[in-house]
């Protein structure tokens, strides 16, 4: 079913962001990244109480290859 969309104002988009309004056939990223972060790294809020007693981040990736995006065009 087609979408009827009014005015949209986009101030900024990141390098690998996707902006879509209405019907869409295919959304594909053109870049990828791998992020390693410890416990409580991406917490946000006004009243945040994080207690990480003992924490370690496993960055070992034995297969070394992840799903690529080389077919995204």
PDB file of N, CA and C in Angstrom:
ATOM      1  N   UNK A   1       0.843  -1.165   0.000  1.00  0.00           N
ATOM      2  CA  UNK A   1       0.000   0.000   0.000  1.00  0.00           C
ATOM      3  C   UNK A   1       0.895   1.237   0.000  1.00  0.00           C
ATOM      4  N   UNK A   2       0.705   2.140  -0.922  1.00  0.00           N
ATOM      5  CA  UNK A   2       1.554   3.329  -0.992  1.00  0.00           C
ATOM      6  C   UNK A   2       1.385   4.216   0.229  1.00  0.00           C
ATOM      7  N   UNK A   3       2.459   4.905   0.558  1.00  0.00           N
ATOM      8  CA  UNK A   3       2.445   5.814   1.696  1.00  0.00           C
ATOM      9  C   UNK A   3       2.379   7.256   1.203  1.00  0.00           C
ATOM     10  N   UNK A   4       1.589   8.058   1.878  1.00  0.00           N
ATOM     11  CA  UNK A   4       1.536   9.488   1.593  1.00  0.00           C
ATOM     12  C   UNK A   4       2.223  10.183   2.756  1.00  0.00           C
ATOM     13  N   UNK A   5       3.308  10.867   2.456  1.00  0.00           N
ATOM     14  CA  UNK A   5       4.127  11.472   3.490  1.00  0.00           C
ATOM     15  C   UNK A   5       4.130  12.984   3.298  1.00  0.00           C
ATOM     16  N   UNK A   6       4.027  13.701   4.390  1.00  0.00           N
ATOM     17  CA  UNK A   6       4.086  15.159   4.332  1.00  0.00           C
ATOM     18  C   UNK A   6       5.518  15.650   4.300  1.00  0.00           C
ATOM     19  N   UNK A   7       5.750  16.793   4.861  1.00  0.00           N
ATOM     20  CA  UNK A   7       7.077  17.417   4.857  1.00  0.00           C
ATOM     21  C   UNK A   7       7.985  16.709   5.855  1.00  0.00           C
ATOM     22  N   UNK A   8       9.230  16.468   5.458  1.00  0.00           N
ATOM     23  CA  UNK A   8      10.238  15.885   6.341  1.00  0.00           C
ATOM     24  C   UNK A   8      11.496  16.740   6.255  1.00  0.00           C
ATOM     25  N   UNK A   9      12.034  17.127   7.391  1.00  0.00           N
ATOM     26  CA  UNK A   9      13.263  17.920   7.424  1.00  0.00           C
ATOM     27  C   UNK A   9      14.361  17.075   8.043  1.00  0.00           C
ATOM     28  N   UNK A  10      15.418  16.853   7.307  1.00  0.00           N
ATOM     29  CA  UNK A  10      16.565  16.086   7.779  1.00  0.00           C
ATOM     30  C   UNK A  10      17.719  17.056   7.956  1.00  0.00           C
ATOM     31  N   UNK A  11      18.188  17.194   9.174  1.00  0.00           N
ATOM     32  CA  UNK A  11      19.286  18.126   9.439  1.00  0.00           C
ATOM     33  C   UNK A  11      20.646  17.493   9.191  1.00  0.00           C
ATOM     34  N   UNK A  12      20.803  16.253   9.582  1.00  0.00           N
ATOM     35  CA  UNK A  12      22.093  15.594   9.385  1.00  0.00           C
ATOM     36  C   UNK A  12      21.898  14.080   9.376  1.00  0.00           C
ATOM     37  N   UNK A  13      22.768  13.401   8.660  1.00  0.00           N
ATOM     38  CA  UNK A  13      22.795  11.941   8.622  1.00  0.00           C
ATOM     39  C   UNK A  13      24.241  11.507   8.796  1.00  0.00           C
ATOM     40  N   UNK A  14      24.426  10.399   9.492  1.00  0.00           N
ATOM     41  CA  UNK A  14      25.773   9.868   9.680  1.00  0.00           C
ATOM     42  C   UNK A  14      26.269   9.171   8.426  1.00  0.00           C
ATOM     43  N   UNK A  15      27.513   8.718   8.455  1.00  0.00           N
ATOM     44  CA  UNK A  15      28.125   8.075   7.290  1.00  0.00           C
ATOM     45  C   UNK A  15      27.403   6.810   6.863  1.00  0.00           C
ATOM     46  N   UNK A  16      27.015   5.982   7.804  1.00  0.00           N
ATOM     47  CA  UNK A  16      26.378   4.713   7.448  1.00  0.00           C
ATOM     48  C   UNK A  16      24.926   4.676   7.895  1.00  0.00           C
ATOM     49  N   UNK A  17      24.291   5.827   7.983  1.00  0.00           N
ATOM     50  CA  UNK A  17      22.903   5.867   8.436  1.00  0.00           C
ATOM     51  C   UNK A  17      21.946   5.575   7.283  1.00  0.00           C
ATOM     52  N   UNK A  18      20.719   5.240   7.647  1.00  0.00           N
ATOM     53  CA  UNK A  18      19.673   4.952   6.675  1.00  0.00           C
ATOM     54  C   UNK A  18      18.486   5.839   6.993  1.00  0.00           C
ATOM     55  N   UNK A  19      17.978   6.544   5.996  1.00  0.00           N
ATOM     56  CA  UNK A  19      16.795   7.395   6.149  1.00  0.00           C
ATOM     57  C   UNK A  19      15.738   6.861   5.210  1.00  0.00           C
ATOM     58  N   UNK A  20      14.619   6.437   5.766  1.00  0.00           N
ATOM     59  CA  UNK A  20      13.581   5.866   4.909  1.00  0.00           C
ATOM     60  C   UNK A  20      12.223   6.337   5.378  1.00  0.00           C
ATOM     61  N   UNK A  21      11.405   6.696   4.418  1.00  0.00           N
ATOM     62  CA  UNK A  21      10.025   7.114   4.681  1.00  0.00           C
ATOM     63  C   UNK A  21       9.133   6.318   3.748  1.00  0.00           C
ATOM     64  N   UNK A  22       8.067   5.756   4.297  1.00  0.00           N
ATOM     65  CA  UNK A  22       7.093   5.069   3.456  1.00  0.00           C
ATOM     66  C   UNK A  22       7.533   3.677   3.062  1.00  0.00           C
ATOM     67  N   UNK A  23       7.041   3.243   1.916  1.00  0.00           N
ATOM     68  CA  UNK A  23       7.329   1.899   1.431  1.00  0.00           C
ATOM     69  C   UNK A  23       8.787   1.789   1.012  1.00  0.00           C
ATOM     70  N   UNK A  24       9.353   0.645   1.258  1.00  0.00           N
ATOM     71  CA  UNK A  24      10.749   0.445   0.892  1.00  0.00           C
ATOM     72  C   UNK A  24      10.923  -0.992   0.403  1.00  0.00           C
ATOM     73  N   UNK A  25      11.727  -1.165  -0.626  1.00  0.00           N
ATOM     74  CA  UNK A  25      11.989  -2.495  -1.177  1.00  0.00           C
ATOM     75  C   UNK A  25      13.201  -3.126  -0.522  1.00  0.00           C
ATOM     76  N   UNK A  26      14.273  -2.361  -0.408  1.00  0.00           N
ATOM     77  CA  UNK A  26      15.512  -2.927   0.098  1.00  0.00           C
ATOM     78  C   UNK A  26      16.315  -1.841   0.810  1.00  0.00           C
ATOM     79  N   UNK A  27      16.793  -2.120   2.010  1.00  0.00           N
ATOM     80  CA  UNK A  27      17.678  -1.218   2.737  1.00  0.00           C
ATOM     81  C   UNK A  27      18.978  -1.966   2.997  1.00  0.00           C
ATOM     82  N   UNK A  28      20.081  -1.403   2.502  1.00  0.00           N
ATOM     83  CA  UNK A  28      21.369  -2.080   2.638  1.00  0.00           C
ATOM     84  C   UNK A  28      22.425  -1.103   3.130  1.00  0.00           C
ATOM     85  N   UNK A  29      23.197  -1.479   4.137  1.00  0.00           N
ATOM     86  CA  UNK A  29      24.296  -0.612   4.584  1.00  0.00           C
ATOM     87  C   UNK A  29      25.471  -0.673   3.610  1.00  0.00           C
ATOM     88  N   UNK A  30      26.225   0.416   3.552  1.00  0.00           N
ATOM     89  CA  UNK A  30      27.412   0.459   2.705  1.00  0.00           C
ATOM     90  C   UNK A  30      28.690   0.408   3.525  1.00  0.00           C
ATOM     91  N   UNK A  31      28.585   0.329   4.840  1.00  0.00           N
ATOM     92  CA  UNK A  31      29.765   0.203   5.685  1.00  0.00           C
ATOM     93  C   UNK A  31      29.407  -0.644   6.892  1.00  0.00           C
ATOM     94  N   UNK A  32      30.421  -1.179   7.532  1.00  0.00           N
ATOM     95  CA  UNK A  32      30.193  -1.968   8.736  1.00  0.00           C
ATOM     96  C   UNK A  32      31.331  -1.723   9.715  1.00  0.00           C
ATOM     97  N   UNK A  33      31.086  -2.060  10.956  1.00  0.00           N
ATOM     98  CA  UNK A  33      32.090  -1.866  12.000  1.00  0.00           C
ATOM     99  C   UNK A  33      31.870  -2.893  13.098  1.00  0.00           C
ATOM    100  N   UNK A  34      32.917  -3.194  13.807  1.00  0.00           N
ATOM    101  CA  UNK A  34      32.829  -4.095  14.954  1.00  0.00           C
ATOM    102  C   UNK A  34      33.237  -3.305  16.183  1.00  0.00           C
ATOM    103  N   UNK A  35      32.393  -3.331  17.198  1.00  0.00           N
ATOM    104  CA  UNK A  35      32.640  -2.556  18.407  1.00  0.00           C
ATOM    105  C   UNK A  35      32.762  -3.480  19.601  1.00  0.00           C
ATOM    106  N   UNK A  36      33.822  -3.336  20.349  1.00  0.00           N
ATOM    107  CA  UNK A  36      33.995  -4.059  21.596  1.00  0.00           C
ATOM    108  C   UNK A  36      33.823  -3.065  22.732  1.00  0.00           C
ATOM    109  N   UNK A  37      32.976  -3.389  23.687  1.00  0.00           N
ATOM    110  CA  UNK A  37      32.780  -2.484  24.826  1.00  0.00           C
ATOM    111  C   UNK A  37      32.483  -3.307  26.064  1.00  0.00           C
ATOM    112  N   UNK A  38      32.868  -2.793  27.187  1.00  0.00           N
ATOM    113  CA  UNK A  38      32.684  -3.490  28.449  1.00  0.00           C
ATOM    114  C   UNK A  38      31.291  -3.291  29.025  1.00  0.00           C
ATOM    115  N   UNK A  39      31.064  -3.892  30.156  1.00  0.00           N
ATOM    116  CA  UNK A  39      29.765  -3.812  30.819  1.00  0.00           C
ATOM    117  C   UNK A  39      29.451  -2.375  31.199  1.00  0.00           C
ATOM    118  N   UNK A  40      28.250  -1.921  30.883  1.00  0.00           N
ATOM    119  CA  UNK A  40      27.827  -0.581  31.230  1.00  0.00           C
ATOM    120  C   UNK A  40      28.357   0.507  30.324  1.00  0.00           C
ATOM    121  N   UNK A  41      28.898   0.166  29.189  1.00  0.00           N
ATOM    122  CA  UNK A  41      29.516   1.175  28.326  1.00  0.00           C
ATOM    123  C   UNK A  41      28.513   2.104  27.662  1.00  0.00           C
ATOM    124  N   UNK A  42      27.377   1.603  27.224  1.00  0.00           N
ATOM    125  CA  UNK A  42      26.428   2.403  26.468  1.00  0.00           C
ATOM    126  C   UNK A  42      25.192   2.752  27.279  1.00  0.00           C
ATOM    127  N   UNK A  43      25.311   2.788  28.587  1.00  0.00           N
ATOM    128  CA  UNK A  43      24.176   3.163  29.427  1.00  0.00           C
ATOM    129  C   UNK A  43      23.946   4.666  29.346  1.00  0.00           C
ATOM    130  N   UNK A  44      22.685   5.062  29.255  1.00  0.00           N
ATOM    131  CA  UNK A  44      22.337   6.479  29.253  1.00  0.00           C
ATOM    132  C   UNK A  44      21.143   6.685  30.176  1.00  0.00           C
ATOM    133  N   UNK A  45      21.004   7.871  30.693  1.00  0.00           N
ATOM    134  CA  UNK A  45      19.864   8.187  31.547  1.00  0.00           C
ATOM    135  C   UNK A  45      20.222   9.257  32.547  1.00  0.00           C
ATOM    136  N   UNK A  46      19.199   9.749  33.235  1.00  0.00           N
ATOM    137  CA  UNK A  46      19.416  10.801  34.225  1.00  0.00           C
ATOM    138  C   UNK A  46      19.911  10.242  35.549  1.00  0.00           C
ATOM    139  N   UNK A  47      19.290   9.192  36.022  1.00  0.00           N
ATOM    140  CA  UNK A  47      19.692   8.573  37.297  1.00  0.00           C
ATOM    141  C   UNK A  47      20.192   7.166  37.010  1.00  0.00           C
ATOM    142  N   UNK A  48      21.482   7.053  36.866  1.00  0.00           N
ATOM    143  CA  UNK A  48      22.082   5.794  36.471  1.00  0.00           C
ATOM    144  C   UNK A  48      22.974   5.284  37.587  1.00  0.00           C
ATOM    145  N   UNK A  49      22.752   4.064  37.994  1.00  0.00           N
ATOM    146  CA  UNK A  49      23.569   3.439  39.026  1.00  0.00           C
ATOM    147  C   UNK A  49      24.047   2.099  38.493  1.00  0.00           C
ATOM    148  N   UNK A  50      25.282   2.043  38.058  1.00  0.00           N
ATOM    149  CA  UNK A  50      25.847   0.837  37.473  1.00  0.00           C
ATOM    150  C   UNK A  50      26.896   0.288  38.417  1.00  0.00           C
ATOM    151  N   UNK A  51      26.771  -0.973  38.772  1.00  0.00           N
ATOM    152  CA  UNK A  51      27.758  -1.631  39.640  1.00  0.00           C
ATOM    153  C   UNK A  51      28.306  -2.848  38.920  1.00  0.00           C
ATOM    154  N   UNK A  52      29.483  -2.703  38.357  1.00  0.00           N
ATOM    155  CA  UNK A  52      30.172  -3.798  37.689  1.00  0.00           C
ATOM    156  C   UNK A  52      31.345  -4.217  38.555  1.00  0.00           C
ATOM    157  N   UNK A  53      31.184  -5.299  39.260  1.00  0.00           N
ATOM    158  CA  UNK A  53      32.226  -5.736  40.192  1.00  0.00           C
ATOM    159  C   UNK A  53      33.484  -6.159  39.439  1.00  0.00           C
ATOM    160  N   UNK A  54      33.401  -7.236  38.696  1.00  0.00           N
ATOM    161  CA  UNK A  54      34.524  -7.718  37.909  1.00  0.00           C
ATOM    162  C   UNK A  54      34.025  -7.860  36.481  1.00  0.00           C
ATOM    163  N   UNK A  55      34.639  -7.143  35.565  1.00  0.00           N
ATOM    164  CA  UNK A  55      34.172  -7.143  34.185  1.00  0.00           C
ATOM    165  C   UNK A  55      35.349  -7.254  33.233  1.00  0.00           C
ATOM    166  N   UNK A  56      35.180  -8.042  32.198  1.00  0.00           N
ATOM    167  CA  UNK A  56      36.198  -8.126  31.147  1.00  0.00           C
ATOM    168  C   UNK A  56      35.476  -8.289  29.817  1.00  0.00           C
ATOM    169  N   UNK A  57      36.053  -7.734  28.781  1.00  0.00           N
ATOM    170  CA  UNK A  57      35.471  -7.799  27.447  1.00  0.00           C
ATOM    171  C   UNK A  57      36.276  -8.770  26.608  1.00  0.00           C
ATOM    172  N   UNK A  58      35.614  -9.766  26.054  1.00  0.00           N
ATOM    173  CA  UNK A  58      36.273 -10.763  25.226  1.00  0.00           C
ATOM    174  C   UNK A  58      36.388 -10.220  23.799  1.00  0.00           C
ATOM    175  N   UNK A  59      37.588  -9.928  23.365  1.00  0.00           N
ATOM    176  CA  UNK A  59      37.810  -9.417  22.008  1.00  0.00           C
ATOM    177  C   UNK A  59      38.420 -10.463  21.091  1.00  0.00           C
ATOM    178  N   UNK A  60      38.470 -11.698  21.529  1.00  0.00           N
ATOM    179  CA  UNK A  60      39.037 -12.771  20.711  1.00  0.00           C
ATOM    180  C   UNK A  60      37.996 -13.196  19.677  1.00  0.00           C
ATOM    181  N   UNK A  61      38.381 -13.161  18.411  1.00  0.00           N
ATOM    182  CA  UNK A  61      37.499 -13.559  17.318  1.00  0.00           C
ATOM    183  C   UNK A  61      38.221 -14.617  16.498  1.00  0.00           C
ATOM    184  N   UNK A  62      38.070 -15.908  16.847  1.00  0.00           N
ATOM    185  CA  UNK A  62      38.866 -16.941  16.199  1.00  0.00           C
ATOM    186  C   UNK A  62      38.581 -17.123  14.706  1.00  0.00           C
ATOM    187  N   UNK A  63      37.359 -16.829  14.241  1.00  0.00           N
ATOM    188  CA  UNK A  63      37.076 -17.040  12.821  1.00  0.00           C
ATOM    189  C   UNK A  63      37.581 -15.885  11.952  1.00  0.00           C
ATOM    190  N   UNK A  64      37.861 -14.745  12.511  1.00  0.00           N
ATOM    191  CA  UNK A  64      38.423 -13.539  11.877  1.00  0.00           C
ATOM    192  C   UNK A  64      37.589 -12.981  10.725  1.00  0.00           C
ATOM    193  N   UNK A  65      36.595 -13.702  10.255  1.00  0.00           N
ATOM    194  CA  UNK A  65      35.766 -13.215   9.157  1.00  0.00           C
ATOM    195  C   UNK A  65      34.326 -13.077   9.635  1.00  0.00           C
ATOM    196  N   UNK A  66      33.733 -11.967   9.313  1.00  0.00           N
ATOM    197  CA  UNK A  66      32.330 -11.737   9.624  1.00  0.00           C
ATOM    198  C   UNK A  66      31.573 -11.540   8.316  1.00  0.00           C
ATOM    199  N   UNK A  67      30.255 -11.481   8.416  1.00  0.00           N
ATOM    200  CA  UNK A  67      29.457 -11.293   7.207  1.00  0.00           C
ATOM    201  C   UNK A  67      29.783  -9.938   6.599  1.00  0.00           C
ATOM    202  N   UNK A  68      30.147  -9.937   5.354  1.00  0.00           N
ATOM    203  CA  UNK A  68      30.517  -8.703   4.671  1.00  0.00           C
ATOM    204  C   UNK A  68      29.312  -8.034   4.030  1.00  0.00           C
ATOM    205  N   UNK A  69      29.557  -6.883   3.453  1.00  0.00           N
ATOM    206  CA  UNK A  69      28.503  -6.180   2.738  1.00  0.00           C
ATOM    207  C   UNK A  69      28.954  -5.858   1.305  1.00  0.00           C
ATOM    208  N   UNK A  70      29.788  -6.707   0.722  1.00  0.00           N
ATOM    209  CA  UNK A  70      30.351  -6.441  -0.588  1.00  0.00           C
ATOM    210  C   UNK A  70      29.324  -6.578  -1.712  1.00  0.00           C
ATOM    211  N   UNK A  71      28.170  -7.209  -1.464  1.00  0.00           N
ATOM    212  CA  UNK A  71      27.143  -7.322  -2.499  1.00  0.00           C
ATOM    213  C   UNK A  71      26.096  -6.207  -2.421  1.00  0.00           C
ATOM    214  N   UNK A  72      26.239  -5.304  -1.453  1.00  0.00           N
ATOM    215  CA  UNK A  72      25.284  -4.189  -1.338  1.00  0.00           C
ATOM    216  C   UNK A  72      25.626  -3.118  -2.356  1.00  0.00           C
ATOM    217  N   UNK A  73      24.695  -2.863  -3.240  1.00  0.00           N
ATOM    218  CA  UNK A  73      24.930  -1.854  -4.290  1.00  0.00           C
ATOM    219  C   UNK A  73      23.748  -0.943  -4.389  1.00  0.00           C
TER     220      UNK A  73
END
